[in-house]
Amino acid sequence: MIADIPKNRHRNMKTVSIWRVVFVFFLGVLCFLVSQVFTRVPLLAWLQKQPDFMLWVMSFPLLGSVLVAMSAGLFEESGRFVFKALAIRPARSRIWEPIVFGLGHGLCEAVWLFTTAWTTLSSMDPSQLILPVVERLLAITIHVGFSVMIWNGFQLDKRWRYLVFAILAHGLVDTLIPLAGKFGWGVLQLEGMVAGVAALLLVYVFYSRKYYLKEDAYV
């Protein structure tokens, strides 16, 4: 009986940990839905119906595209920040937490994009789907990296500074799209740059492990 107590305790710890991972993943999914699908996307749709706004965008197309791209960083990184501050406590955590949150965020975005573009995707040959799938995998990696960046602010008690960093960095990544149109970059050139950003963020995630609580066998 005495020998069974530690085993039961470990079993309970493992069960609780699995549910916490699911909980954090679900919050990552919810963060994307709230920050993009329910907020930013409807706001942009509303702005596109405003004559004054569309006239301004047509007058300054590159600037307008850059600001729209930067808005993705503002909404998504602010969303990550709010979810971490209000729903995922304590402030100090283990490195798996932002990784799982970023996976939830990025996978939800992938499902949403593939669903909205299903008519086009379903008519493509399997070989033509390779690039969209690779692009989404890179995007998911980037979401993980930015989640770690937001969490780092909480680990180091510099949360507002890291929020600004994440918003600007995310916005700059999305700005590559309008810049590609401006300078005539091809799809492979653009995806190569995105892959470079994803690689840098992977290095950043690995480097950031030292800021987090040590892992144990069940958490």
C-alpha atoms as a PDB file:
ATOM      1  CA  MET A   1       0.000   0.000   0.000  1.00  0.00           C
ATOM      2  CA  ILE A   2       2.763   2.446   0.893  1.00  0.00           C
ATOM      3  CA  ALA A   3       4.566   1.666  -2.346  1.00  0.00           C
ATOM      4  CA  ASP A   4       1.396   2.415  -4.343  1.00  0.00           C
ATOM      5  CA  ILE A   5       1.014   5.979  -3.051  1.00  0.00           C
ATOM      6  CA  PRO A   6       3.843   7.542  -5.105  1.00  0.00           C
ATOM      7  CA  LYS A   7       2.633   5.697  -8.214  1.00  0.00           C
ATOM      8  CA  ASN A   8      -0.899   7.048  -7.784  1.00  0.00           C
ATOM      9  CA  ARG A   9       0.482  10.499  -7.170  1.00  0.00           C
ATOM     10  CA  HIS A  10       2.543  10.340 -10.377  1.00  0.00           C
ATOM     11  CA  ARG A  11      -0.470   9.033 -12.285  1.00  0.00           C
ATOM     12  CA  ASN A  12      -2.590  11.975 -11.099  1.00  0.00           C
ATOM     13  CA  MET A  13       0.153  14.451 -11.943  1.00  0.00           C
ATOM     14  CA  LYS A  14       0.358  13.002 -15.453  1.00  0.00           C
ATOM     15  CA  THR A  15      -3.411  13.245 -15.942  1.00  0.00           C
ATOM     16  CA  VAL A  16      -3.478  16.857 -14.758  1.00  0.00           C
ATOM     17  CA  SER A  17      -0.557  17.727 -17.029  1.00  0.00           C
ATOM     18  CA  ILE A  18      -2.231  16.249 -20.106  1.00  0.00           C
ATOM     19  CA  TRP A  19      -5.365  18.273 -19.455  1.00  0.00           C
ATOM     20  CA  ARG A  20      -3.283  21.422 -18.992  1.00  0.00           C
ATOM     21  CA  VAL A  21      -1.579  20.847 -22.334  1.00  0.00           C
ATOM     22  CA  VAL A  22      -5.004  20.425 -23.973  1.00  0.00           C
ATOM     23  CA  PHE A  23      -6.221  23.558 -22.193  1.00  0.00           C
ATOM     24  CA  VAL A  24      -3.267  25.666 -23.398  1.00  0.00           C
ATOM     25  CA  PHE A  25      -3.632  24.307 -26.949  1.00  0.00           C
ATOM     26  CA  PHE A  26      -7.350  25.180 -26.928  1.00  0.00           C
ATOM     27  CA  LEU A  27      -6.566  28.703 -25.729  1.00  0.00           C
ATOM     28  CA  GLY A  28      -4.145  29.064 -28.660  1.00  0.00           C
ATOM     29  CA  VAL A  29      -6.970  28.065 -31.005  1.00  0.00           C
ATOM     30  CA  LEU A  30      -9.336  30.497 -29.300  1.00  0.00           C
ATOM     31  CA  CYS A  31      -6.747  33.274 -29.479  1.00  0.00           C
ATOM     32  CA  PHE A  32      -6.587  33.022 -33.270  1.00  0.00           C
ATOM     33  CA  LEU A  33     -10.366  32.963 -33.574  1.00  0.00           C
ATOM     34  CA  VAL A  34     -10.806  36.003 -31.324  1.00  0.00           C
ATOM     35  CA  SER A  35      -7.919  38.104 -32.648  1.00  0.00           C
ATOM     36  CA  GLN A  36      -8.428  37.359 -36.349  1.00  0.00           C
ATOM     37  CA  VAL A  37     -11.682  35.688 -37.350  1.00  0.00           C
ATOM     38  CA  PHE A  38     -13.955  37.547 -34.914  1.00  0.00           C
ATOM     39  CA  THR A  39     -12.091  40.879 -34.743  1.00  0.00           C
ATOM     40  CA  ARG A  40      -9.499  41.833 -37.367  1.00  0.00           C
ATOM     41  CA  VAL A  41     -11.111  40.196 -40.403  1.00  0.00           C
ATOM     42  CA  PRO A  42     -14.569  41.788 -39.822  1.00  0.00           C
ATOM     43  CA  LEU A  43     -12.891  45.151 -39.123  1.00  0.00           C
ATOM     44  CA  LEU A  44     -10.945  45.014 -42.401  1.00  0.00           C
ATOM     45  CA  ALA A  45     -14.116  43.979 -44.243  1.00  0.00           C
ATOM     46  CA  TRP A  46     -15.908  46.992 -42.762  1.00  0.00           C
ATOM     47  CA  LEU A  47     -13.066  49.351 -43.719  1.00  0.00           C
ATOM     48  CA  GLN A  48     -13.150  48.086 -47.307  1.00  0.00           C
ATOM     49  CA  LYS A  49     -16.729  49.353 -47.528  1.00  0.00           C
ATOM     50  CA  GLN A  50     -15.716  52.859 -46.449  1.00  0.00           C
ATOM     51  CA  PRO A  51     -15.188  55.113 -49.517  1.00  0.00           C
ATOM     52  CA  ASP A  52     -12.738  57.444 -47.746  1.00  0.00           C
ATOM     53  CA  PHE A  53     -10.560  54.570 -46.592  1.00  0.00           C
ATOM     54  CA  MET A  54     -10.513  52.911 -50.021  1.00  0.00           C
ATOM     55  CA  LEU A  55      -9.678  56.238 -51.668  1.00  0.00           C
ATOM     56  CA  TRP A  56      -6.746  56.659 -49.293  1.00  0.00           C
ATOM     57  CA  VAL A  57      -5.545  53.084 -49.972  1.00  0.00           C
ATOM     58  CA  MET A  58      -5.719  53.657 -53.729  1.00  0.00           C
ATOM     59  CA  SER A  59      -3.739  56.871 -53.295  1.00  0.00           C
ATOM     60  CA  PHE A  60      -1.036  55.162 -51.197  1.00  0.00           C
ATOM     61  CA  PRO A  61      -1.259  51.457 -52.110  1.00  0.00           C
ATOM     62  CA  LEU A  62       2.063  50.316 -50.640  1.00  0.00           C
ATOM     63  CA  LEU A  63       1.591  52.215 -47.381  1.00  0.00           C
ATOM     64  CA  GLY A  64      -1.966  50.918 -47.080  1.00  0.00           C
ATOM     65  CA  SER A  65      -0.819  47.332 -47.654  1.00  0.00           C
ATOM     66  CA  VAL A  66       1.973  47.704 -45.096  1.00  0.00           C
ATOM     67  CA  LEU A  67      -0.429  49.059 -42.475  1.00  0.00           C
ATOM     68  CA  VAL A  68      -2.855  46.185 -43.104  1.00  0.00           C
ATOM     69  CA  ALA A  69       0.050  43.744 -42.724  1.00  0.00           C
ATOM     70  CA  MET A  70       1.195  45.435 -39.519  1.00  0.00           C
ATOM     71  CA  SER A  71      -2.336  45.160 -38.129  1.00  0.00           C
ATOM     72  CA  ALA A  72      -1.935  41.370 -38.102  1.00  0.00           C
ATOM     73  CA  GLY A  73       0.961  41.720 -35.686  1.00  0.00           C
ATOM     74  CA  LEU A  74      -0.991  44.167 -33.545  1.00  0.00           C
ATOM     75  CA  PHE A  75      -4.086  41.991 -33.215  1.00  0.00           C
ATOM     76  CA  GLU A  76      -2.448  38.578 -32.924  1.00  0.00           C
ATOM     77  CA  GLU A  77       0.369  39.502 -30.557  1.00  0.00           C
ATOM     78  CA  SER A  78      -1.946  41.581 -28.377  1.00  0.00           C
ATOM     79  CA  GLY A  79      -4.251  38.561 -28.314  1.00  0.00           C
ATOM     80  CA  ARG A  80      -1.426  36.270 -27.199  1.00  0.00           C
ATOM     81  CA  PHE A  81      -0.467  38.795 -24.524  1.00  0.00           C
ATOM     82  CA  VAL A  82      -4.016  39.076 -23.152  1.00  0.00           C
ATOM     83  CA  PHE A  83      -4.534  35.299 -23.094  1.00  0.00           C
ATOM     84  CA  LYS A  84      -1.248  34.775 -21.272  1.00  0.00           C
ATOM     85  CA  ALA A  85      -1.920  37.566 -18.770  1.00  0.00           C
ATOM     86  CA  LEU A  86      -5.515  36.638 -17.983  1.00  0.00           C
ATOM     87  CA  ALA A  87      -6.002  32.942 -18.697  1.00  0.00           C
ATOM     88  CA  ILE A  88      -2.639  31.160 -18.393  1.00  0.00           C
ATOM     89  CA  ARG A  89      -1.032  31.514 -14.996  1.00  0.00           C
ATOM     90  CA  PRO A  90       1.346  31.711 -13.243  1.00  0.00           C
ATOM     91  CA  ALA A  91       3.532  34.130 -15.180  1.00  0.00           C
ATOM     92  CA  ARG A  92       6.540  31.841 -14.839  1.00  0.00           C
ATOM     93  CA  SER A  93       6.098  28.660 -16.834  1.00  0.00           C
ATOM     94  CA  ARG A  94       7.847  25.827 -18.650  1.00  0.00           C
ATOM     95  CA  ILE A  95       8.941  26.129 -22.268  1.00  0.00           C
ATOM     96  CA  TRP A  96       6.292  23.703 -23.518  1.00  0.00           C
ATOM     97  CA  GLU A  97       3.557  26.206 -22.687  1.00  0.00           C
ATOM     98  CA  PRO A  98       4.206  28.857 -25.386  1.00  0.00           C
ATOM     99  CA  ILE A  99       5.113  26.115 -27.876  1.00  0.00           C
ATOM    100  CA  VAL A 100       1.760  24.347 -27.392  1.00  0.00           C
ATOM    101  CA  PHE A 101      -0.098  27.685 -27.448  1.00  0.00           C
ATOM    102  CA  GLY A 102       1.632  28.643 -30.700  1.00  0.00           C
ATOM    103  CA  LEU A 103       0.780  25.273 -32.234  1.00  0.00           C
ATOM    104  CA  GLY A 104      -2.885  25.771 -31.368  1.00  0.00           C
ATOM    105  CA  HIS A 105      -2.841  29.273 -32.839  1.00  0.00           C
ATOM    106  CA  GLY A 106      -1.007  28.268 -36.008  1.00  0.00           C
ATOM    107  CA  LEU A 107      -2.941  25.061 -36.680  1.00  0.00           C
ATOM    108  CA  CYS A 108      -6.253  26.879 -36.251  1.00  0.00           C
ATOM    109  CA  GLU A 109      -5.123  29.469 -38.795  1.00  0.00           C
ATOM    110  CA  ALA A 110      -4.107  26.701 -41.214  1.00  0.00           C
ATOM    111  CA  VAL A 111      -7.481  24.947 -40.898  1.00  0.00           C
ATOM    112  CA  TRP A 112      -9.335  28.237 -41.350  1.00  0.00           C
ATOM    113  CA  LEU A 113      -7.329  29.233 -44.437  1.00  0.00           C
ATOM    114  CA  PHE A 114      -7.604  25.802 -46.058  1.00  0.00           C
ATOM    115  CA  THR A 115     -11.340  25.750 -45.335  1.00  0.00           C
ATOM    116  CA  THR A 116     -11.953  29.170 -46.873  1.00  0.00           C
ATOM    117  CA  ALA A 117      -9.862  28.249 -49.926  1.00  0.00           C
ATOM    118  CA  TRP A 118     -11.142  24.686 -50.231  1.00  0.00           C
ATOM    119  CA  THR A 119     -12.821  25.240 -53.620  1.00  0.00           C
ATOM    120  CA  THR A 120      -9.511  26.310 -55.132  1.00  0.00           C
ATOM    121  CA  LEU A 121      -7.400  23.727 -53.303  1.00  0.00           C
ATOM    122  CA  SER A 122      -9.669  20.828 -54.197  1.00  0.00           C
ATOM    123  CA  SER A 123      -9.172  21.523 -57.911  1.00  0.00           C
ATOM    124  CA  MET A 124      -5.364  21.448 -57.648  1.00  0.00           C
ATOM    125  CA  ASP A 125      -3.118  18.486 -58.376  1.00  0.00           C
ATOM    126  CA  PRO A 126      -1.476  16.881 -55.318  1.00  0.00           C
ATOM    127  CA  SER A 127       1.914  18.172 -56.469  1.00  0.00           C
ATOM    128  CA  GLN A 128       0.549  21.733 -56.444  1.00  0.00           C
ATOM    129  CA  LEU A 129      -0.426  21.406 -52.787  1.00  0.00           C
ATOM    130  CA  ILE A 130       3.169  21.011 -51.649  1.00  0.00           C
ATOM    131  CA  LEU A 131       3.892  24.751 -51.587  1.00  0.00           C
ATOM    132  CA  PRO A 132       0.733  25.738 -49.637  1.00  0.00           C
ATOM    133  CA  VAL A 133       1.405  22.983 -47.087  1.00  0.00           C
ATOM    134  CA  VAL A 134       5.050  24.023 -46.680  1.00  0.00           C
ATOM    135  CA  GLU A 135       3.968  27.660 -46.337  1.00  0.00           C
ATOM    136  CA  ARG A 136       1.569  26.733 -43.540  1.00  0.00           C
ATOM    137  CA  LEU A 137       4.210  24.668 -41.745  1.00  0.00           C
ATOM    138  CA  LEU A 138       6.526  27.685 -41.845  1.00  0.00           C
ATOM    139  CA  ALA A 139       3.706  29.908 -40.576  1.00  0.00           C
ATOM    140  CA  ILE A 140       3.011  27.528 -37.680  1.00  0.00           C
ATOM    141  CA  THR A 141       6.708  27.611 -36.780  1.00  0.00           C
ATOM    142  CA  ILE A 142       6.604  31.407 -36.822  1.00  0.00           C
ATOM    143  CA  HIS A 143       3.535  31.419 -34.559  1.00  0.00           C
ATOM    144  CA  VAL A 144       5.392  29.230 -32.086  1.00  0.00           C
ATOM    145  CA  GLY A 145       8.340  31.627 -32.171  1.00  0.00           C
ATOM    146  CA  PHE A 146       6.200  34.687 -31.527  1.00  0.00           C
ATOM    147  CA  SER A 147       4.356  32.897 -28.717  1.00  0.00           C
ATOM    148  CA  VAL A 148       7.709  32.222 -27.062  1.00  0.00           C
ATOM    149  CA  MET A 149       8.620  35.887 -27.544  1.00  0.00           C
ATOM    150  CA  ILE A 150       5.465  37.017 -25.728  1.00  0.00           C
ATOM    151  CA  TRP A 151       6.026  34.463 -22.954  1.00  0.00           C
ATOM    152  CA  ASN A 152       9.639  35.620 -22.584  1.00  0.00           C
ATOM    153  CA  GLY A 153       8.343  39.003 -21.496  1.00  0.00           C
ATOM    154  CA  PHE A 154       6.553  37.318 -18.608  1.00  0.00           C
ATOM    155  CA  GLN A 155       9.549  35.170 -17.714  1.00  0.00           C
ATOM    156  CA  LEU A 156      11.842  38.213 -17.583  1.00  0.00           C
ATOM    157  CA  ASP A 157       9.257  40.647 -16.149  1.00  0.00           C
ATOM    158  CA  LYS A 158       9.564  42.812 -19.279  1.00  0.00           C
ATOM    159  CA  ARG A 159       6.187  41.971 -20.712  1.00  0.00           C
ATOM    160  CA  TRP A 160       5.372  45.324 -22.361  1.00  0.00           C
ATOM    161  CA  ARG A 161       8.759  45.588 -24.031  1.00  0.00           C
ATOM    162  CA  TYR A 162       8.467  42.098 -25.482  1.00  0.00           C
ATOM    163  CA  LEU A 163       4.905  42.790 -26.603  1.00  0.00           C
ATOM    164  CA  VAL A 164       6.150  45.737 -28.678  1.00  0.00           C
ATOM    165  CA  PHE A 165       8.991  43.600 -30.062  1.00  0.00           C
ATOM    166  CA  ALA A 166       6.563  40.857 -31.069  1.00  0.00           C
ATOM    167  CA  ILE A 167       4.091  43.262 -32.708  1.00  0.00           C
ATOM    168  CA  LEU A 168       6.819  44.906 -34.767  1.00  0.00           C
ATOM    169  CA  ALA A 169       8.518  41.634 -35.707  1.00  0.00           C
ATOM    170  CA  HIS A 170       5.237  39.986 -36.693  1.00  0.00           C
ATOM    171  CA  GLY A 171       4.211  43.032 -38.683  1.00  0.00           C
ATOM    172  CA  LEU A 172       7.529  43.101 -40.519  1.00  0.00           C
ATOM    173  CA  VAL A 173       7.157  39.438 -41.492  1.00  0.00           C
ATOM    174  CA  ASP A 174       3.681  40.063 -42.916  1.00  0.00           C
ATOM    175  CA  THR A 175       4.994  43.159 -44.700  1.00  0.00           C
ATOM    176  CA  LEU A 176       7.083  40.846 -46.885  1.00  0.00           C
ATOM    177  CA  ILE A 177       3.893  40.088 -48.866  1.00  0.00           C
ATOM    178  CA  PRO A 178       3.179  43.630 -50.121  1.00  0.00           C
ATOM    179  CA  LEU A 179       6.909  44.197 -50.602  1.00  0.00           C
ATOM    180  CA  ALA A 180       7.025  41.096 -52.804  1.00  0.00           C
ATOM    181  CA  GLY A 181       4.364  42.650 -55.024  1.00  0.00           C
ATOM    182  CA  LYS A 182       6.181  45.978 -55.078  1.00  0.00           C
ATOM    183  CA  PHE A 183       9.599  44.591 -56.002  1.00  0.00           C
ATOM    184  CA  GLY A 184       8.464  41.674 -58.136  1.00  0.00           C
ATOM    185  CA  TRP A 185       9.723  38.868 -55.928  1.00  0.00           C
ATOM    186  CA  GLY A 186       8.603  35.418 -57.011  1.00  0.00           C
ATOM    187  CA  VAL A 187       6.742  32.947 -54.820  1.00  0.00           C
ATOM    188  CA  LEU A 188       9.876  30.899 -54.175  1.00  0.00           C
ATOM    189  CA  GLN A 189      11.840  34.020 -53.230  1.00  0.00           C
ATOM    190  CA  LEU A 190       9.125  35.068 -50.807  1.00  0.00           C
ATOM    191  CA  GLU A 191       8.849  31.604 -49.269  1.00  0.00           C
ATOM    192  CA  GLY A 192      12.631  31.461 -48.979  1.00  0.00           C
ATOM    193  CA  MET A 193      12.561  34.639 -46.881  1.00  0.00           C
ATOM    194  CA  VAL A 194       9.733  33.249 -44.748  1.00  0.00           C
ATOM    195  CA  ALA A 195      11.746  30.052 -44.264  1.00  0.00           C
ATOM    196  CA  GLY A 196      14.692  32.166 -43.119  1.00  0.00           C
ATOM    197  CA  VAL A 197      12.485  33.926 -40.568  1.00  0.00           C
ATOM    198  CA  ALA A 198      11.127  30.576 -39.354  1.00  0.00           C
ATOM    199  CA  ALA A 199      14.680  29.239 -38.952  1.00  0.00           C
ATOM    200  CA  LEU A 200      15.741  32.301 -36.966  1.00  0.00           C
ATOM    201  CA  LEU A 201      12.723  31.944 -34.686  1.00  0.00           C
ATOM    202  CA  LEU A 202      13.524  28.271 -34.113  1.00  0.00           C
ATOM    203  CA  VAL A 203      16.991  29.318 -32.960  1.00  0.00           C
ATOM    204  CA  TYR A 204      15.332  31.950 -30.767  1.00  0.00           C
ATOM    205  CA  VAL A 205      13.057  29.321 -29.193  1.00  0.00           C
ATOM    206  CA  PHE A 206      16.035  27.081 -28.459  1.00  0.00           C
ATOM    207  CA  TYR A 207      17.970  30.015 -26.971  1.00  0.00           C
ATOM    208  CA  SER A 208      14.995  31.046 -24.825  1.00  0.00           C
ATOM    209  CA  ARG A 209      14.844  27.747 -22.928  1.00  0.00           C
ATOM    210  CA  LYS A 210      17.125  29.159 -20.238  1.00  0.00           C
ATOM    211  CA  TYR A 211      14.436  31.679 -19.213  1.00  0.00           C
ATOM    212  CA  TYR A 212      11.951  28.970 -18.249  1.00  0.00           C
ATOM    213  CA  LEU A 213      11.357  26.671 -15.311  1.00  0.00           C
ATOM    214  CA  LYS A 214      13.062  23.311 -15.590  1.00  0.00           C
ATOM    215  CA  GLU A 215      11.032  20.472 -17.047  1.00  0.00           C
ATOM    216  CA  ASP A 216      10.153  17.423 -14.980  1.00  0.00           C
ATOM    217  CA  ALA A 217       8.904  14.046 -16.031  1.00  0.00           C
ATOM    218  CA  TYR A 218       5.226  14.939 -16.162  1.00  0.00           C
ATOM    219  CA  VAL A 219       4.877  18.650 -16.908  1.00  0.00           C
END
